[in-house]
């Protein structure tokens, strides 16, 4: 989600807002992906060193809140993952 605000002098500033989504952690998929179920759909998300939260603590079946972005290749990059 992108929010654009006007500043003095006509310059605009972009602020990217992240919405936390509720889901269920299904499990790790290899070394660089996790599988998460949300609203009846299970998708795989890429995990890199920039993920904030509890990626190292989460276990299969845990209820979580997470956020992601779609990268230039159309893949889903996990941004945050927190245990509920």
N, C-alpha and C. Protein backbone atom coordinates (compact mmCIF):
# COMPACT_ATOMS: atom_id res chain seq x y z
N UNK A 1 0.85 -1.15 0.00
CA UNK A 1 0.00 0.00 0.00
C UNK A 1 0.91 1.22 0.00
N UNK A 2 0.61 2.21 -0.85
CA UNK A 2 1.44 3.40 -0.92
C UNK A 2 0.59 4.61 -0.58
N UNK A 3 1.13 5.49 0.24
CA UNK A 3 0.46 6.71 0.63
C UNK A 3 1.34 7.85 0.15
N UNK A 4 0.78 8.78 -0.61
CA UNK A 4 1.55 9.91 -1.12
C UNK A 4 1.00 11.18 -0.48
N UNK A 5 1.87 11.96 0.11
CA UNK A 5 1.44 13.21 0.73
C UNK A 5 2.18 14.37 0.10
N UNK A 6 1.55 15.52 0.08
CA UNK A 6 2.17 16.73 -0.46
C UNK A 6 2.91 17.46 0.66
N UNK A 7 4.09 17.94 0.36
CA UNK A 7 4.85 18.74 1.30
C UNK A 7 4.89 20.18 0.81
N UNK A 8 5.36 21.07 1.65
CA UNK A 8 5.52 22.46 1.27
C UNK A 8 6.44 22.56 0.07
N UNK A 9 6.10 23.40 -0.87
CA UNK A 9 6.93 23.58 -2.05
C UNK A 9 6.55 22.65 -3.18
N UNK A 10 5.50 21.85 -3.02
CA UNK A 10 5.03 21.00 -4.10
C UNK A 10 5.74 19.68 -4.23
N UNK A 11 6.74 19.39 -3.40
CA UNK A 11 7.43 18.10 -3.45
C UNK A 11 6.56 17.04 -2.78
N UNK A 12 6.50 15.87 -3.37
CA UNK A 12 5.71 14.81 -2.75
C UNK A 12 6.63 13.80 -2.08
N UNK A 13 6.10 13.16 -1.07
CA UNK A 13 6.84 12.15 -0.33
C UNK A 13 6.04 10.86 -0.38
N UNK A 14 6.71 9.75 -0.65
CA UNK A 14 6.05 8.45 -0.66
C UNK A 14 6.37 7.71 0.62
N UNK A 15 5.34 7.22 1.25
CA UNK A 15 5.49 6.43 2.46
C UNK A 15 4.81 5.09 2.20
N UNK A 16 5.53 4.00 2.36
CA UNK A 16 4.96 2.68 2.13
C UNK A 16 4.45 2.11 3.45
N UNK A 17 3.17 1.80 3.49
CA UNK A 17 2.54 1.27 4.68
C UNK A 17 2.41 -0.24 4.54
N UNK A 18 2.61 -0.94 5.62
CA UNK A 18 2.52 -2.39 5.61
C UNK A 18 1.31 -2.83 6.42
N UNK A 19 0.49 -3.67 5.82
CA UNK A 19 -0.66 -4.22 6.51
C UNK A 19 -0.31 -5.62 7.00
N UNK A 20 -0.56 -5.87 8.27
CA UNK A 20 -0.31 -7.19 8.84
C UNK A 20 -1.50 -8.11 8.51
N UNK A 21 -1.20 -9.29 8.03
CA UNK A 21 -2.21 -10.28 7.63
C UNK A 21 -2.15 -11.43 8.63
N UNK A 22 -3.30 -11.92 9.05
CA UNK A 22 -3.36 -13.07 9.96
C UNK A 22 -3.28 -14.35 9.13
N UNK A 23 -2.56 -15.34 9.62
CA UNK A 23 -2.46 -16.60 8.91
C UNK A 23 -1.95 -17.71 9.81
N UNK A 24 -1.74 -18.87 9.19
CA UNK A 24 -1.21 -20.04 9.89
C UNK A 24 0.08 -20.46 9.20
N UNK A 25 1.14 -20.62 9.99
CA UNK A 25 2.42 -21.04 9.45
C UNK A 25 2.33 -22.53 9.14
N UNK A 26 2.58 -22.90 7.89
CA UNK A 26 2.50 -24.30 7.46
C UNK A 26 3.87 -24.97 7.60
N UNK A 27 4.94 -24.27 7.21
CA UNK A 27 6.26 -24.87 7.35
C UNK A 27 7.29 -24.23 6.44
N UNK A 28 8.53 -24.66 6.61
CA UNK A 28 9.63 -24.21 5.77
C UNK A 28 9.64 -25.01 4.48
N UNK A 29 9.93 -24.33 3.37
CA UNK A 29 10.04 -24.96 2.06
C UNK A 29 11.47 -24.73 1.58
N UNK A 30 12.33 -25.69 1.82
CA UNK A 30 13.74 -25.51 1.49
C UNK A 30 14.38 -24.51 2.43
N UNK A 31 15.46 -23.87 1.95
CA UNK A 31 16.20 -22.95 2.79
C UNK A 31 15.72 -21.51 2.70
N UNK A 32 15.01 -21.17 1.61
CA UNK A 32 14.70 -19.75 1.40
C UNK A 32 13.22 -19.43 1.25
N UNK A 33 12.34 -20.36 1.61
CA UNK A 33 10.90 -20.10 1.50
C UNK A 33 10.17 -20.66 2.71
N UNK A 34 9.01 -20.05 2.98
CA UNK A 34 8.08 -20.58 3.97
C UNK A 34 6.71 -20.66 3.34
N UNK A 35 5.89 -21.55 3.85
CA UNK A 35 4.53 -21.74 3.37
C UNK A 35 3.57 -21.25 4.45
N UNK A 36 2.62 -20.39 4.04
CA UNK A 36 1.67 -19.79 4.97
C UNK A 36 0.27 -19.91 4.40
N UNK A 37 -0.69 -20.29 5.25
CA UNK A 37 -2.09 -20.37 4.86
C UNK A 37 -2.80 -19.11 5.33
N UNK A 38 -3.56 -18.50 4.41
CA UNK A 38 -4.34 -17.30 4.71
C UNK A 38 -5.65 -17.37 3.93
N UNK A 39 -6.77 -17.31 4.66
CA UNK A 39 -8.11 -17.35 4.07
C UNK A 39 -8.30 -18.55 3.13
N UNK A 40 -7.84 -19.71 3.57
CA UNK A 40 -8.05 -20.93 2.82
C UNK A 40 -7.08 -21.18 1.68
N UNK A 41 -6.14 -20.29 1.46
CA UNK A 41 -5.16 -20.43 0.38
C UNK A 41 -3.76 -20.53 0.98
N UNK A 42 -2.98 -21.49 0.52
CA UNK A 42 -1.61 -21.67 0.99
C UNK A 42 -0.65 -21.21 -0.09
N UNK A 43 0.25 -20.27 0.27
CA UNK A 43 1.22 -19.74 -0.67
C UNK A 43 2.62 -19.82 -0.07
N UNK A 44 3.62 -19.84 -0.94
CA UNK A 44 5.02 -19.83 -0.51
C UNK A 44 5.57 -18.41 -0.62
N UNK A 45 6.36 -18.00 0.37
CA UNK A 45 6.95 -16.67 0.44
C UNK A 45 8.46 -16.80 0.56
N UNK A 46 9.20 -15.97 -0.18
CA UNK A 46 10.65 -15.96 -0.10
C UNK A 46 11.10 -15.33 1.21
N UNK A 47 12.13 -15.91 1.81
CA UNK A 47 12.70 -15.40 3.06
C UNK A 47 14.13 -14.97 2.78
N UNK A 48 14.43 -13.70 3.09
CA UNK A 48 15.82 -13.26 2.99
C UNK A 48 16.26 -12.70 4.33
N UNK A 49 17.45 -12.19 4.43
CA UNK A 49 17.98 -11.70 5.70
C UNK A 49 17.30 -10.46 6.24
N UNK A 50 16.41 -9.85 5.45
CA UNK A 50 15.77 -8.61 5.86
C UNK A 50 14.43 -8.82 6.57
N UNK A 51 13.98 -10.06 6.72
CA UNK A 51 12.68 -10.32 7.34
C UNK A 51 12.74 -9.97 8.83
N UNK A 52 11.76 -9.19 9.28
CA UNK A 52 11.69 -8.76 10.67
C UNK A 52 10.74 -9.69 11.42
N UNK A 53 11.13 -10.10 12.62
CA UNK A 53 10.21 -10.86 13.45
C UNK A 53 10.71 -12.20 13.93
N UNK A 54 9.80 -13.18 13.89
CA UNK A 54 10.00 -14.46 14.56
C UNK A 54 10.23 -15.65 13.60
N UNK A 55 10.86 -15.41 12.47
CA UNK A 55 11.05 -16.49 11.49
C UNK A 55 11.80 -17.67 12.09
N UNK A 56 12.76 -17.40 12.95
CA UNK A 56 13.56 -18.47 13.56
C UNK A 56 12.83 -19.20 14.68
N UNK A 57 11.74 -18.64 15.20
CA UNK A 57 11.03 -19.21 16.34
C UNK A 57 9.73 -19.92 15.95
N UNK A 58 9.20 -19.61 14.79
CA UNK A 58 7.89 -20.12 14.39
C UNK A 58 7.93 -21.62 14.13
N UNK A 59 6.82 -22.30 14.48
CA UNK A 59 6.71 -23.74 14.27
C UNK A 59 5.45 -24.04 13.46
N UNK A 60 5.44 -25.18 12.80
CA UNK A 60 4.28 -25.58 12.00
C UNK A 60 3.01 -25.50 12.84
N UNK A 61 1.98 -24.88 12.27
CA UNK A 61 0.69 -24.75 12.93
C UNK A 61 0.52 -23.50 13.77
N UNK A 62 1.60 -22.73 13.97
CA UNK A 62 1.50 -21.49 14.76
C UNK A 62 0.64 -20.45 14.04
N UNK A 63 -0.16 -19.72 14.82
CA UNK A 63 -0.91 -18.59 14.29
C UNK A 63 0.04 -17.39 14.25
N UNK A 64 0.04 -16.68 13.11
CA UNK A 64 1.00 -15.60 12.90
C UNK A 64 0.32 -14.37 12.31
N UNK A 65 1.05 -13.26 12.34
CA UNK A 65 0.73 -12.06 11.58
C UNK A 65 1.94 -11.82 10.68
N UNK A 66 1.70 -11.49 9.40
CA UNK A 66 2.81 -11.33 8.47
C UNK A 66 2.51 -10.26 7.44
N UNK A 67 3.55 -9.82 6.74
CA UNK A 67 3.38 -8.90 5.63
C UNK A 67 4.37 -9.30 4.53
N UNK A 68 4.06 -8.88 3.31
CA UNK A 68 4.89 -9.25 2.17
C UNK A 68 4.76 -8.21 1.07
N UNK A 69 5.67 -8.27 0.10
CA UNK A 69 5.59 -7.47 -1.12
C UNK A 69 5.84 -8.40 -2.30
N UNK A 70 5.33 -8.03 -3.45
CA UNK A 70 5.61 -8.79 -4.68
C UNK A 70 6.84 -8.15 -5.33
N UNK A 71 7.86 -8.97 -5.61
CA UNK A 71 9.09 -8.43 -6.20
C UNK A 71 8.95 -8.32 -7.72
N UNK A 72 10.01 -7.84 -8.36
CA UNK A 72 10.00 -7.62 -9.81
C UNK A 72 9.81 -8.88 -10.63
N UNK A 73 10.09 -10.05 -10.06
CA UNK A 73 9.90 -11.32 -10.76
C UNK A 73 8.53 -11.93 -10.45
N UNK A 74 7.70 -11.20 -9.72
CA UNK A 74 6.37 -11.70 -9.39
C UNK A 74 6.32 -12.63 -8.18
N UNK A 75 7.46 -12.81 -7.51
CA UNK A 75 7.51 -13.67 -6.33
C UNK A 75 7.10 -12.87 -5.11
N UNK A 76 6.65 -13.56 -4.07
CA UNK A 76 6.22 -12.92 -2.84
C UNK A 76 7.37 -12.91 -1.84
N UNK A 77 7.84 -11.71 -1.48
CA UNK A 77 8.93 -11.55 -0.51
C UNK A 77 8.33 -11.27 0.86
N UNK A 78 8.63 -12.11 1.82
CA UNK A 78 8.16 -11.92 3.19
C UNK A 78 8.89 -10.73 3.79
N UNK A 79 8.14 -9.79 4.40
CA UNK A 79 8.74 -8.62 5.06
C UNK A 79 8.80 -8.81 6.57
N UNK A 80 7.66 -9.23 7.15
CA UNK A 80 7.58 -9.42 8.59
C UNK A 80 6.83 -10.72 8.89
N UNK A 81 7.15 -11.33 10.01
CA UNK A 81 6.43 -12.52 10.47
C UNK A 81 6.53 -12.51 12.00
N UNK A 82 5.37 -12.42 12.66
CA UNK A 82 5.33 -12.37 14.12
C UNK A 82 4.36 -13.41 14.65
N UNK A 83 4.75 -14.05 15.75
CA UNK A 83 3.85 -14.99 16.41
C UNK A 83 2.70 -14.23 17.07
N UNK A 84 1.50 -14.78 16.98
CA UNK A 84 0.36 -14.16 17.67
C UNK A 84 0.23 -14.71 19.06
